[in-house]
């Protein structure tokens, strides 16, 4: 089985945020693929909506034999297992607070552009905090 290099972005702004990141990483390691690298953890303000809760964000690099669409299904399953709820954003806002958010930033060097999935993730280049996360 070939191993695919995948970069995921983890984000949380509710509850025990450091623990949320650890739980997500453990589930990813178990259900999606082996974590090879972890970035620094960055505390930052929300983008796209108004909240008093700061985010913790981290990038991880994993090796996975799963397809991009299978990874997307597993990521959504992990978010659900951890208790993420999807709410309608307030008027004129794009997002809401979340216990955990897991985005696929890159999958090897492939491009996907469909309704379900866009790789590379469209916000890779527009969000400064993503650029501030570096692998050790």
N, C-alpha and C. Protein backbone atom coordinates (compact mmCIF):
# COMPACT_ATOMS: atom_id res chain seq x y z
N UNK A 1 0.84 -1.19 0.00
CA UNK A 1 0.00 0.00 0.00
C UNK A 1 0.88 1.25 0.00
N UNK A 2 0.55 2.19 -0.86
CA UNK A 2 1.35 3.41 -0.90
C UNK A 2 0.94 4.33 0.25
N UNK A 3 1.92 5.05 0.73
CA UNK A 3 1.68 5.99 1.81
C UNK A 3 1.65 7.40 1.24
N UNK A 4 0.60 8.12 1.55
CA UNK A 4 0.40 9.48 1.05
C UNK A 4 0.72 10.48 2.14
N UNK A 5 1.43 11.53 1.76
CA UNK A 5 1.77 12.60 2.70
C UNK A 5 0.61 13.57 2.76
N UNK A 6 0.06 13.74 3.95
CA UNK A 6 -1.13 14.56 4.16
C UNK A 6 -0.82 15.58 5.25
N UNK A 7 -1.19 16.84 5.01
CA UNK A 7 -1.06 17.89 6.02
C UNK A 7 -2.47 18.25 6.48
N UNK A 8 -2.69 18.15 7.78
CA UNK A 8 -3.98 18.50 8.38
C UNK A 8 -3.80 19.72 9.27
N UNK A 9 -4.85 20.52 9.36
CA UNK A 9 -4.89 21.66 10.27
C UNK A 9 -5.91 21.35 11.35
N UNK A 10 -5.49 21.45 12.60
CA UNK A 10 -6.38 21.25 13.75
C UNK A 10 -6.67 22.60 14.38
N UNK A 11 -7.92 22.82 14.76
CA UNK A 11 -8.29 24.06 15.42
C UNK A 11 -9.35 23.80 16.48
N UNK A 12 -9.27 24.55 17.57
CA UNK A 12 -10.24 24.43 18.66
C UNK A 12 -10.31 25.76 19.41
N UNK A 13 -11.53 26.15 19.80
CA UNK A 13 -11.64 27.35 20.63
C UNK A 13 -12.65 27.19 21.76
N UNK A 14 -12.99 25.94 22.09
CA UNK A 14 -13.92 25.68 23.19
C UNK A 14 -13.35 24.58 24.10
N UNK A 15 -13.72 24.64 25.36
CA UNK A 15 -13.33 23.59 26.31
C UNK A 15 -11.84 23.60 26.61
N UNK A 16 -11.31 22.42 26.96
CA UNK A 16 -9.89 22.24 27.24
C UNK A 16 -9.16 22.11 25.90
N UNK A 17 -8.73 23.22 25.38
CA UNK A 17 -8.23 23.28 24.00
C UNK A 17 -6.99 22.41 23.79
N UNK A 18 -6.06 22.43 24.72
CA UNK A 18 -4.86 21.59 24.56
C UNK A 18 -5.24 20.12 24.54
N UNK A 19 -6.15 19.74 25.41
CA UNK A 19 -6.62 18.36 25.45
C UNK A 19 -7.38 18.00 24.17
N UNK A 20 -8.16 18.94 23.64
CA UNK A 20 -8.87 18.70 22.39
C UNK A 20 -7.90 18.36 21.27
N UNK A 21 -6.78 19.10 21.19
CA UNK A 21 -5.77 18.82 20.17
C UNK A 21 -5.18 17.43 20.37
N UNK A 22 -4.89 17.08 21.61
CA UNK A 22 -4.29 15.76 21.90
C UNK A 22 -5.25 14.62 21.54
N UNK A 23 -6.51 14.77 21.91
CA UNK A 23 -7.51 13.74 21.58
C UNK A 23 -7.61 13.59 20.07
N UNK A 24 -7.70 14.72 19.36
CA UNK A 24 -7.80 14.67 17.90
C UNK A 24 -6.59 13.97 17.30
N UNK A 25 -5.40 14.29 17.78
CA UNK A 25 -4.18 13.67 17.24
C UNK A 25 -4.17 12.17 17.51
N UNK A 26 -4.60 11.77 18.69
CA UNK A 26 -4.66 10.34 19.00
C UNK A 26 -5.63 9.61 18.07
N UNK A 27 -6.79 10.20 17.82
CA UNK A 27 -7.77 9.58 16.93
C UNK A 27 -7.29 9.56 15.48
N UNK A 28 -6.64 10.62 15.06
CA UNK A 28 -6.07 10.67 13.70
C UNK A 28 -5.02 9.58 13.55
N UNK A 29 -4.13 9.47 14.53
CA UNK A 29 -3.07 8.46 14.50
C UNK A 29 -3.67 7.05 14.42
N UNK A 30 -4.76 6.84 15.10
CA UNK A 30 -5.42 5.53 15.15
C UNK A 30 -6.24 5.24 13.90
N UNK A 31 -6.99 6.23 13.42
CA UNK A 31 -7.98 6.01 12.37
C UNK A 31 -7.58 6.43 10.95
N UNK A 32 -6.57 7.32 10.84
CA UNK A 32 -6.24 7.86 9.52
C UNK A 32 -4.82 7.53 9.09
N UNK A 33 -3.86 7.82 9.96
CA UNK A 33 -2.48 7.55 9.59
C UNK A 33 -1.51 8.02 10.65
N UNK A 34 -0.30 7.55 10.52
CA UNK A 34 0.74 7.84 11.51
C UNK A 34 1.20 9.29 11.41
N UNK A 35 1.22 9.95 12.56
CA UNK A 35 1.69 11.33 12.61
C UNK A 35 3.22 11.31 12.54
N UNK A 36 3.76 12.03 11.56
CA UNK A 36 5.21 12.09 11.36
C UNK A 36 5.80 13.39 11.88
N UNK A 37 5.05 14.48 11.77
CA UNK A 37 5.54 15.79 12.21
C UNK A 37 4.39 16.58 12.83
N UNK A 38 4.75 17.43 13.79
CA UNK A 38 3.79 18.35 14.39
C UNK A 38 4.38 19.75 14.37
N UNK A 39 3.54 20.73 14.09
CA UNK A 39 3.98 22.12 14.12
C UNK A 39 3.91 22.65 15.55
N UNK A 40 4.34 23.88 15.69
CA UNK A 40 4.09 24.61 16.93
C UNK A 40 2.58 24.77 17.09
N UNK A 41 2.15 25.07 18.29
CA UNK A 41 0.74 25.37 18.56
C UNK A 41 0.63 26.88 18.69
N UNK A 42 -0.32 27.44 17.97
CA UNK A 42 -0.48 28.89 17.92
C UNK A 42 -1.82 29.28 18.52
N UNK A 43 -1.80 30.28 19.40
CA UNK A 43 -3.03 30.85 19.93
C UNK A 43 -3.35 32.10 19.11
N UNK A 44 -4.55 32.18 18.58
CA UNK A 44 -4.90 33.30 17.73
C UNK A 44 -6.39 33.60 17.79
N UNK A 45 -6.73 34.79 17.31
CA UNK A 45 -8.13 35.22 17.25
C UNK A 45 -8.84 34.51 16.12
N UNK A 46 -10.15 34.40 16.26
CA UNK A 46 -10.98 33.79 15.22
C UNK A 46 -10.97 34.67 13.97
N UNK A 47 -11.11 34.03 12.82
CA UNK A 47 -11.25 34.73 11.55
C UNK A 47 -12.58 34.33 10.93
N UNK A 48 -13.34 35.30 10.48
CA UNK A 48 -14.60 35.01 9.81
C UNK A 48 -15.82 35.04 10.71
N UNK A 49 -15.58 35.28 12.01
CA UNK A 49 -16.71 35.43 12.93
C UNK A 49 -16.25 36.09 14.23
N UNK A 50 -17.22 36.55 15.01
CA UNK A 50 -16.96 37.26 16.25
C UNK A 50 -17.12 36.31 17.43
N UNK A 51 -16.09 36.24 18.28
CA UNK A 51 -16.15 35.43 19.49
C UNK A 51 -15.15 35.97 20.50
N UNK A 52 -15.38 35.65 21.77
CA UNK A 52 -14.43 36.00 22.82
C UNK A 52 -13.43 34.88 23.07
N UNK A 53 -13.60 33.74 22.39
CA UNK A 53 -12.76 32.56 22.60
C UNK A 53 -11.62 32.53 21.59
N UNK A 54 -10.39 32.51 22.11
CA UNK A 54 -9.22 32.38 21.24
C UNK A 54 -9.09 30.94 20.75
N UNK A 55 -8.48 30.78 19.59
CA UNK A 55 -8.23 29.46 19.01
C UNK A 55 -6.84 28.96 19.37
N UNK A 56 -6.71 27.66 19.45
CA UNK A 56 -5.42 26.99 19.37
C UNK A 56 -5.43 26.27 18.03
N UNK A 57 -4.36 26.46 17.25
CA UNK A 57 -4.24 25.80 15.96
C UNK A 57 -2.90 25.08 15.87
N UNK A 58 -2.89 23.98 15.13
CA UNK A 58 -1.67 23.21 14.91
C UNK A 58 -1.79 22.45 13.59
N UNK A 59 -0.67 22.35 12.89
CA UNK A 59 -0.61 21.52 11.68
C UNK A 59 0.08 20.21 12.04
N UNK A 60 -0.37 19.14 11.40
CA UNK A 60 0.32 17.86 11.55
C UNK A 60 0.52 17.26 10.16
N UNK A 61 1.62 16.54 10.02
CA UNK A 61 1.88 15.79 8.79
C UNK A 61 1.70 14.32 9.11
N UNK A 62 0.90 13.65 8.30
CA UNK A 62 0.68 12.22 8.52
C UNK A 62 0.99 11.46 7.24
N UNK A 63 1.22 10.16 7.38
CA UNK A 63 1.30 9.25 6.26
C UNK A 63 0.07 8.36 6.34
N UNK A 64 -0.66 8.28 5.22
CA UNK A 64 -1.91 7.53 5.21
C UNK A 64 -2.06 6.78 3.89
N UNK A 65 -2.63 5.61 3.98
CA UNK A 65 -2.95 4.85 2.76
C UNK A 65 -4.35 5.18 2.24
N UNK A 66 -5.08 6.02 2.97
CA UNK A 66 -6.45 6.37 2.59
C UNK A 66 -6.48 7.39 1.47
N UNK A 67 -7.57 7.38 0.72
CA UNK A 67 -7.79 8.38 -0.33
C UNK A 67 -8.17 9.71 0.33
N UNK A 68 -8.09 10.81 -0.41
CA UNK A 68 -8.50 12.10 0.16
C UNK A 68 -9.96 12.09 0.65
N UNK A 69 -10.85 11.43 -0.10
CA UNK A 69 -12.27 11.42 0.28
C UNK A 69 -12.51 10.53 1.49
N UNK A 70 -11.74 9.44 1.62
CA UNK A 70 -11.84 8.61 2.82
C UNK A 70 -11.31 9.37 4.04
N UNK A 71 -10.25 10.14 3.86
CA UNK A 71 -9.73 10.96 4.96
C UNK A 71 -10.77 11.98 5.38
N UNK A 72 -11.43 12.61 4.41
CA UNK A 72 -12.48 13.58 4.74
C UNK A 72 -13.58 12.94 5.57
N UNK A 73 -14.02 11.74 5.20
CA UNK A 73 -15.04 11.04 5.98
C UNK A 73 -14.55 10.73 7.39
N UNK A 74 -13.31 10.29 7.52
CA UNK A 74 -12.74 9.97 8.84
C UNK A 74 -12.61 11.23 9.70
N UNK A 75 -12.19 12.33 9.09
CA UNK A 75 -12.05 13.60 9.81
C UNK A 75 -13.40 14.04 10.36
N UNK A 76 -14.43 13.98 9.53
CA UNK A 76 -15.77 14.37 9.98
C UNK A 76 -16.26 13.45 11.09
N UNK A 77 -15.92 12.16 11.01
CA UNK A 77 -16.28 11.21 12.04
C UNK A 77 -15.57 11.53 13.36
N UNK A 78 -14.30 11.88 13.29
CA UNK A 78 -13.55 12.26 14.50
C UNK A 78 -14.16 13.52 15.13
N UNK A 79 -14.46 14.51 14.30
CA UNK A 79 -15.09 15.73 14.82
C UNK A 79 -16.40 15.40 15.55
N UNK A 80 -17.19 14.52 14.95
CA UNK A 80 -18.46 14.11 15.56
C UNK A 80 -18.23 13.36 16.86
N UNK A 81 -17.29 12.40 16.86
CA UNK A 81 -16.97 11.64 18.08
C UNK A 81 -16.55 12.55 19.22
N UNK A 82 -15.82 13.61 18.89
CA UNK A 82 -15.33 14.53 19.91
C UNK A 82 -16.40 15.50 20.39
N UNK A 83 -17.57 15.52 19.72
CA UNK A 83 -18.66 16.36 20.18
C UNK A 83 -18.86 17.65 19.43
N UNK A 84 -18.27 17.74 18.23
CA UNK A 84 -18.48 18.97 17.46
C UNK A 84 -19.93 19.06 17.00
N UNK A 85 -20.51 20.23 17.20
CA UNK A 85 -21.85 20.52 16.73
C UNK A 85 -21.78 21.59 15.66
N UNK A 86 -22.58 21.44 14.64
CA UNK A 86 -22.63 22.43 13.56
C UNK A 86 -23.84 23.32 13.77
N UNK A 87 -23.57 24.61 13.92
CA UNK A 87 -24.63 25.59 14.11
C UNK A 87 -24.62 26.56 12.95
N UNK A 88 -25.75 27.20 12.74
CA UNK A 88 -25.84 28.25 11.72
C UNK A 88 -25.08 29.47 12.22
N UNK A 89 -24.15 30.01 11.41
CA UNK A 89 -23.45 31.24 11.83
C UNK A 89 -24.41 32.42 11.97
N UNK A 90 -24.01 33.39 12.76
CA UNK A 90 -24.79 34.62 12.89
C UNK A 90 -24.82 35.32 11.54
N UNK A 91 -25.79 36.21 11.39
CA UNK A 91 -25.90 36.96 10.14
C UNK A 91 -24.61 37.71 9.84
N UNK A 92 -24.16 37.67 8.60
CA UNK A 92 -22.94 38.31 8.12
C UNK A 92 -21.66 37.69 8.66
N UNK A 93 -21.75 36.50 9.22
CA UNK A 93 -20.55 35.79 9.67
C UNK A 93 -20.47 34.44 8.97
N UNK A 94 -19.26 33.91 8.89
CA UNK A 94 -19.03 32.67 8.14
C UNK A 94 -18.96 31.43 9.02
N UNK A 95 -18.54 31.58 10.26
CA UNK A 95 -18.25 30.42 11.09
C UNK A 95 -18.81 30.59 12.50
N UNK A 96 -18.64 29.54 13.31
CA UNK A 96 -19.07 29.55 14.71
C UNK A 96 -17.96 28.93 15.56
N UNK A 97 -18.08 29.10 16.89
CA UNK A 97 -17.16 28.44 17.80
C UNK A 97 -17.19 26.93 17.57
N UNK A 98 -16.06 26.26 17.84
CA UNK A 98 -16.05 24.82 17.64
C UNK A 98 -15.10 24.13 18.61
N UNK A 99 -15.52 22.96 19.04
CA UNK A 99 -14.71 22.12 19.92
C UNK A 99 -13.49 21.60 19.19
N UNK A 100 -13.68 21.21 17.94
CA UNK A 100 -12.57 20.75 17.11
C UNK A 100 -12.93 20.99 15.65
N UNK A 101 -11.92 21.34 14.88
CA UNK A 101 -12.06 21.49 13.44
C UNK A 101 -10.81 20.88 12.82
N UNK A 102 -11.00 20.03 11.83
CA UNK A 102 -9.88 19.38 11.17
C UNK A 102 -10.03 19.60 9.67
N UNK A 103 -9.06 20.28 9.08
CA UNK A 103 -9.08 20.56 7.65
C UNK A 103 -7.92 19.84 6.96
N UNK A 104 -8.17 19.38 5.75
CA UNK A 104 -7.12 18.79 4.92
C UNK A 104 -6.49 19.93 4.13
N UNK A 105 -5.24 20.26 4.46
CA UNK A 105 -4.56 21.34 3.76
C UNK A 105 -3.94 20.86 2.46
N UNK A 106 -3.23 19.73 2.53
CA UNK A 106 -2.55 19.17 1.36
C UNK A 106 -2.67 17.65 1.38
N UNK A 107 -2.65 17.05 0.21
CA UNK A 107 -2.60 15.60 0.05
C UNK A 107 -1.63 15.35 -1.10
N UNK A 108 -0.42 14.88 -0.76
CA UNK A 108 0.66 14.78 -1.75
C UNK A 108 0.72 16.11 -2.49
N UNK A 109 0.81 16.06 -3.79
CA UNK A 109 0.80 17.29 -4.60
C UNK A 109 -0.41 17.36 -5.51
N UNK A 110 -1.49 16.68 -5.11
CA UNK A 110 -2.65 16.64 -6.00
C UNK A 110 -3.56 17.84 -5.80
N UNK A 111 -4.35 18.11 -6.82
CA UNK A 111 -5.35 19.18 -6.79
C UNK A 111 -6.72 18.54 -6.88
N UNK A 112 -7.61 18.95 -5.99
CA UNK A 112 -9.01 18.52 -6.04
C UNK A 112 -9.85 19.77 -5.89
N UNK A 113 -10.84 19.91 -6.76
CA UNK A 113 -11.72 21.06 -6.69
C UNK A 113 -13.14 20.61 -7.00
N UNK A 114 -13.84 20.16 -5.97
CA UNK A 114 -15.23 19.76 -6.13
C UNK A 114 -16.02 20.29 -4.93
N UNK A 115 -17.32 20.09 -4.94
CA UNK A 115 -18.16 20.63 -3.85
C UNK A 115 -17.77 20.09 -2.49
N UNK A 116 -17.43 18.80 -2.43
CA UNK A 116 -17.12 18.16 -1.14
C UNK A 116 -15.75 18.54 -0.59
N UNK A 117 -14.79 18.73 -1.49
CA UNK A 117 -13.40 18.82 -1.05
C UNK A 117 -12.58 19.67 -2.01
N UNK A 118 -11.78 20.55 -1.41
CA UNK A 118 -10.84 21.35 -2.20
C UNK A 118 -9.45 21.17 -1.59
N UNK A 119 -8.52 20.69 -2.42
CA UNK A 119 -7.13 20.50 -2.00
C UNK A 119 -6.26 21.10 -3.09
N UNK A 120 -5.29 21.96 -2.74
CA UNK A 120 -5.02 22.45 -1.40
C UNK A 120 -6.20 23.25 -0.85
N UNK A 121 -6.28 23.28 0.47
CA UNK A 121 -7.37 24.00 1.13
C UNK A 121 -7.32 25.47 0.71
N UNK A 122 -8.45 26.06 0.33
CA UNK A 122 -8.46 27.44 -0.18
C UNK A 122 -7.92 28.48 0.79
N UNK A 123 -7.99 28.22 2.08
CA UNK A 123 -7.53 29.22 3.05
C UNK A 123 -6.05 29.08 3.41
N UNK A 124 -5.36 28.14 2.79
CA UNK A 124 -3.92 27.98 3.02
C UNK A 124 -3.17 29.28 2.82
N UNK A 125 -3.58 30.03 1.84
CA UNK A 125 -2.81 31.21 1.43
C UNK A 125 -3.41 32.51 1.92
N UNK A 126 -4.63 32.47 2.45
CA UNK A 126 -5.29 33.70 2.88
C UNK A 126 -5.25 33.91 4.39
N UNK A 127 -4.95 32.89 5.14
CA UNK A 127 -4.95 33.02 6.60
C UNK A 127 -3.51 33.07 7.12
N UNK A 128 -3.18 34.19 7.73
CA UNK A 128 -1.81 34.39 8.21
C UNK A 128 -1.41 33.36 9.25
N UNK A 129 -2.34 32.94 10.11
CA UNK A 129 -1.95 32.01 11.17
C UNK A 129 -1.48 30.68 10.60
N UNK A 130 -2.02 30.26 9.46
CA UNK A 130 -1.58 29.00 8.86
C UNK A 130 -0.12 29.11 8.45
N UNK A 131 0.25 30.25 7.92
CA UNK A 131 1.64 30.49 7.51
C UNK A 131 2.58 30.52 8.71
N UNK A 132 2.05 30.84 9.89
CA UNK A 132 2.87 30.93 11.11
C UNK A 132 3.12 29.59 11.77
N UNK A 133 2.49 28.54 11.28
CA UNK A 133 2.67 27.21 11.85
C UNK A 133 3.79 26.49 11.09
N UNK A 134 4.85 26.11 11.82
CA UNK A 134 6.01 25.48 11.20
C UNK A 134 6.28 24.14 11.82
N UNK A 135 6.74 23.21 10.99
CA UNK A 135 7.11 21.89 11.50
C UNK A 135 8.50 21.96 12.11
N UNK A 136 8.66 21.19 13.18
CA UNK A 136 9.97 21.15 13.87
C UNK A 136 10.92 20.25 13.12
